[in-house]
Amino acid sequence: MPVMTDFKTKLTDNFSERFQGFSIPIEVLQFACDPLSIKPEADFYTKAKEVMSNIDESTLQTEMVDMQSSSALKQHLQSEGAVNF
Protein backbone atom coordinates (compact mmCIF):
# COMPACT_ATOMS: atom_id res chain seq x y z
CA MET A 1 0.00 0.00 0.00
CA PRO A 2 2.77 2.53 0.73
CA VAL A 3 3.98 2.10 -2.86
CA MET A 4 0.59 3.21 -4.25
CA THR A 5 0.39 6.11 -1.80
CA ASP A 6 3.85 7.25 -2.81
CA PHE A 7 2.98 6.85 -6.50
CA LYS A 8 -0.21 8.90 -6.10
CA THR A 9 1.64 11.63 -4.20
CA LYS A 10 4.37 11.84 -6.85
CA LEU A 11 1.80 11.84 -9.64
CA THR A 12 -0.14 14.65 -7.97
CA ASP A 13 3.04 16.65 -7.46
CA ASN A 14 4.04 16.10 -11.08
CA PHE A 15 0.70 17.36 -12.41
CA SER A 16 0.74 20.31 -10.00
CA GLU A 17 4.15 21.37 -11.27
CA ARG A 18 3.24 20.91 -14.94
CA PHE A 19 0.03 22.87 -14.76
CA GLN A 20 1.11 25.57 -12.33
CA GLY A 21 0.19 28.87 -13.92
CA PHE A 22 -2.16 27.18 -16.40
CA SER A 23 -5.67 28.34 -15.80
CA ILE A 24 -8.86 28.10 -17.79
CA PRO A 25 -11.86 30.14 -16.71
CA ILE A 26 -14.70 28.01 -15.35
CA GLU A 27 -17.06 29.30 -18.04
CA VAL A 28 -14.78 27.98 -20.78
CA LEU A 29 -14.56 24.59 -19.05
CA GLN A 30 -18.34 24.55 -18.69
CA PHE A 31 -18.67 25.33 -22.40
CA ALA A 32 -16.45 22.35 -23.21
CA CYS A 33 -18.70 20.10 -21.08
CA ASP A 34 -22.03 21.51 -22.24
CA PRO A 35 -21.85 24.12 -25.01
CA LEU A 36 -25.57 24.82 -24.77
CA SER A 37 -25.46 25.77 -21.09
CA ILE A 38 -23.40 28.96 -21.51
CA LYS A 39 -25.31 32.16 -22.06
CA PRO A 40 -23.88 34.20 -24.93
CA GLU A 41 -22.60 37.18 -22.91
CA ALA A 42 -19.67 39.54 -23.35
CA ASP A 43 -17.96 38.18 -20.23
CA PHE A 44 -17.82 34.67 -21.73
CA TYR A 45 -16.25 35.92 -24.96
CA THR A 46 -13.63 37.86 -23.05
CA LYS A 47 -12.74 34.75 -21.05
CA ALA A 48 -12.67 32.61 -24.19
CA LYS A 49 -10.31 35.15 -25.74
CA GLU A 50 -7.97 34.75 -22.74
CA VAL A 51 -7.64 31.04 -23.53
CA MET A 52 -7.59 31.33 -27.33
CA SER A 53 -6.13 34.73 -28.17
CA ASN A 54 -6.62 34.35 -31.93
CA ILE A 55 -10.37 33.76 -31.70
CA ASP A 56 -12.66 36.38 -33.21
CA GLU A 57 -15.17 37.29 -30.51
CA SER A 58 -17.90 38.40 -32.91
CA THR A 59 -17.66 35.16 -34.92
CA LEU A 60 -17.78 33.13 -31.71
CA GLN A 61 -20.83 35.08 -30.57
CA THR A 62 -22.64 34.51 -33.87
CA GLU A 63 -21.83 30.80 -33.89
CA MET A 64 -22.92 30.37 -30.26
CA VAL A 65 -26.26 32.06 -30.90
CA ASP A 66 -26.81 29.89 -34.00
CA MET A 67 -25.82 26.72 -32.16
CA GLN A 68 -27.92 27.45 -29.09
CA SER A 69 -30.99 28.25 -31.14
CA SER A 70 -30.85 24.91 -32.97
CA SER A 71 -33.36 22.46 -31.56
CA ALA A 72 -31.68 19.63 -33.52
CA LEU A 73 -28.36 20.26 -31.76
CA LYS A 74 -30.05 20.46 -28.36
CA GLN A 75 -31.78 17.16 -29.00
CA HIS A 76 -28.55 15.55 -30.22
CA LEU A 77 -26.65 16.72 -27.12
CA GLN A 78 -29.37 15.35 -24.85
CA SER A 79 -29.51 12.00 -26.61
CA GLU A 80 -25.76 11.49 -27.18
CA GLY A 81 -24.23 13.30 -24.21
CA ALA A 82 -21.38 15.80 -24.26
CA VAL A 83 -18.66 13.23 -25.04
CA ASN A 84 -20.28 12.15 -28.31
CA PHE A 85 -21.70 15.56 -29.19
C-alpha atoms as a PDB file:
ATOM      1  CA  MET A   1       0.000   0.000   0.000  1.00  0.00           C
ATOM      2  CA  PRO A   2       2.770   2.530   0.725  1.00  0.00           C
ATOM      3  CA  VAL A   3       3.975   2.099  -2.864  1.00  0.00           C
ATOM      4  CA  MET A   4       0.590   3.211  -4.247  1.00  0.00           C
ATOM      5  CA  THR A   5       0.388   6.113  -1.801  1.00  0.00           C
ATOM      6  CA  ASP A   6       3.849   7.253  -2.807  1.00  0.00           C
ATOM      7  CA  PHE A   7       2.977   6.854  -6.500  1.00  0.00           C
ATOM      8  CA  LYS A   8      -0.205   8.899  -6.095  1.00  0.00           C
ATOM      9  CA  THR A   9       1.641  11.630  -4.200  1.00  0.00           C
ATOM     10  CA  LYS A  10       4.375  11.843  -6.850  1.00  0.00           C
ATOM     11  CA  LEU A  11       1.802  11.840  -9.645  1.00  0.00           C
ATOM     12  CA  THR A  12      -0.145  14.646  -7.966  1.00  0.00           C
ATOM     13  CA  ASP A  13       3.045  16.653  -7.460  1.00  0.00           C
ATOM     14  CA  ASN A  14       4.040  16.105 -11.082  1.00  0.00           C
ATOM     15  CA  PHE A  15       0.699  17.362 -12.408  1.00  0.00           C
ATOM     16  CA  SER A  16       0.740  20.307  -9.999  1.00  0.00           C
ATOM     17  CA  GLU A  17       4.150  21.366 -11.272  1.00  0.00           C
ATOM     18  CA  ARG A  18       3.240  20.906 -14.936  1.00  0.00           C
ATOM     19  CA  PHE A  19       0.026  22.869 -14.755  1.00  0.00           C
ATOM     20  CA  GLN A  20       1.109  25.566 -12.331  1.00  0.00           C
ATOM     21  CA  GLY A  21       0.188  28.866 -13.917  1.00  0.00           C
ATOM     22  CA  PHE A  22      -2.160  27.185 -16.396  1.00  0.00           C
ATOM     23  CA  SER A  23      -5.675  28.343 -15.798  1.00  0.00           C
ATOM     24  CA  ILE A  24      -8.856  28.097 -17.789  1.00  0.00           C
ATOM     25  CA  PRO A  25     -11.857  30.144 -16.706  1.00  0.00           C
ATOM     26  CA  ILE A  26     -14.696  28.012 -15.351  1.00  0.00           C
ATOM     27  CA  GLU A  27     -17.058  29.301 -18.039  1.00  0.00           C
ATOM     28  CA  VAL A  28     -14.779  27.978 -20.777  1.00  0.00           C
ATOM     29  CA  LEU A  29     -14.557  24.593 -19.052  1.00  0.00           C
ATOM     30  CA  GLN A  30     -18.336  24.550 -18.687  1.00  0.00           C
ATOM     31  CA  PHE A  31     -18.672  25.332 -22.401  1.00  0.00           C
ATOM     32  CA  ALA A  32     -16.452  22.345 -23.206  1.00  0.00           C
ATOM     33  CA  CYS A  33     -18.701  20.102 -21.082  1.00  0.00           C
ATOM     34  CA  ASP A  34     -22.035  21.506 -22.242  1.00  0.00           C
ATOM     35  CA  PRO A  35     -21.850  24.121 -25.006  1.00  0.00           C
ATOM     36  CA  LEU A  36     -25.567  24.822 -24.766  1.00  0.00           C
ATOM     37  CA  SER A  37     -25.460  25.774 -21.089  1.00  0.00           C
ATOM     38  CA  ILE A  38     -23.404  28.955 -21.506  1.00  0.00           C
ATOM     39  CA  LYS A  39     -25.315  32.163 -22.060  1.00  0.00           C
ATOM     40  CA  PRO A  40     -23.875  34.196 -24.932  1.00  0.00           C
ATOM     41  CA  GLU A  41     -22.600  37.175 -22.913  1.00  0.00           C
ATOM     42  CA  ALA A  42     -19.673  39.538 -23.352  1.00  0.00           C
ATOM     43  CA  ASP A  43     -17.958  38.179 -20.231  1.00  0.00           C
ATOM     44  CA  PHE A  44     -17.817  34.669 -21.731  1.00  0.00           C
ATOM     45  CA  TYR A  45     -16.254  35.916 -24.964  1.00  0.00           C
ATOM     46  CA  THR A  46     -13.632  37.855 -23.047  1.00  0.00           C
ATOM     47  CA  LYS A  47     -12.740  34.754 -21.047  1.00  0.00           C
ATOM     48  CA  ALA A  48     -12.667  32.605 -24.191  1.00  0.00           C
ATOM     49  CA  LYS A  49     -10.308  35.152 -25.745  1.00  0.00           C
ATOM     50  CA  GLU A  50      -7.966  34.745 -22.736  1.00  0.00           C
ATOM     51  CA  VAL A  51      -7.636  31.037 -23.534  1.00  0.00           C
ATOM     52  CA  MET A  52      -7.587  31.334 -27.333  1.00  0.00           C
ATOM     53  CA  SER A  53      -6.127  34.727 -28.171  1.00  0.00           C
ATOM     54  CA  ASN A  54      -6.617  34.347 -31.928  1.00  0.00           C
ATOM     55  CA  ILE A  55     -10.374  33.758 -31.702  1.00  0.00           C
ATOM     56  CA  ASP A  56     -12.661  36.377 -33.214  1.00  0.00           C
ATOM     57  CA  GLU A  57     -15.166  37.291 -30.514  1.00  0.00           C
ATOM     58  CA  SER A  58     -17.901  38.395 -32.912  1.00  0.00           C
ATOM     59  CA  THR A  59     -17.657  35.160 -34.915  1.00  0.00           C
ATOM     60  CA  LEU A  60     -17.783  33.126 -31.710  1.00  0.00           C
ATOM     61  CA  GLN A  61     -20.829  35.081 -30.567  1.00  0.00           C
ATOM     62  CA  THR A  62     -22.643  34.511 -33.867  1.00  0.00           C
ATOM     63  CA  GLU A  63     -21.831  30.798 -33.886  1.00  0.00           C
ATOM     64  CA  MET A  64     -22.916  30.365 -30.262  1.00  0.00           C
ATOM     65  CA  VAL A  65     -26.261  32.060 -30.899  1.00  0.00           C
ATOM     66  CA  ASP A  66     -26.809  29.892 -33.997  1.00  0.00           C
ATOM     67  CA  MET A  67     -25.818  26.723 -32.160  1.00  0.00           C
ATOM     68  CA  GLN A  68     -27.917  27.447 -29.094  1.00  0.00           C
ATOM     69  CA  SER A  69     -30.989  28.253 -31.136  1.00  0.00           C
ATOM     70  CA  SER A  70     -30.846  24.913 -32.970  1.00  0.00           C
ATOM     71  CA  SER A  71     -33.364  22.458 -31.565  1.00  0.00           C
ATOM     72  CA  ALA A  72     -31.684  19.632 -33.524  1.00  0.00           C
ATOM     73  CA  LEU A  73     -28.356  20.263 -31.761  1.00  0.00           C
ATOM     74  CA  LYS A  74     -30.052  20.462 -28.358  1.00  0.00           C
ATOM     75  CA  GLN A  75     -31.782  17.160 -29.002  1.00  0.00           C
ATOM     76  CA  HIS A  76     -28.548  15.549 -30.216  1.00  0.00           C
ATOM     77  CA  LEU A  77     -26.653  16.718 -27.116  1.00  0.00           C
ATOM     78  CA  GLN A  78     -29.373  15.354 -24.854  1.00  0.00           C
ATOM     79  CA  SER A  79     -29.509  11.999 -26.607  1.00  0.00           C
ATOM     80  CA  GLU A  80     -25.756  11.488 -27.179  1.00  0.00           C
ATOM     81  CA  GLY A  81     -24.225  13.300 -24.212  1.00  0.00           C
ATOM     82  CA  ALA A  82     -21.378  15.801 -24.262  1.00  0.00           C
ATOM     83  CA  VAL A  83     -18.662  13.230 -25.041  1.00  0.00           C
ATOM     84  CA  ASN A  84     -20.278  12.154 -28.310  1.00  0.00           C
ATOM     85  CA  PHE A  85     -21.698  15.560 -29.194  1.00  0.00           C
END
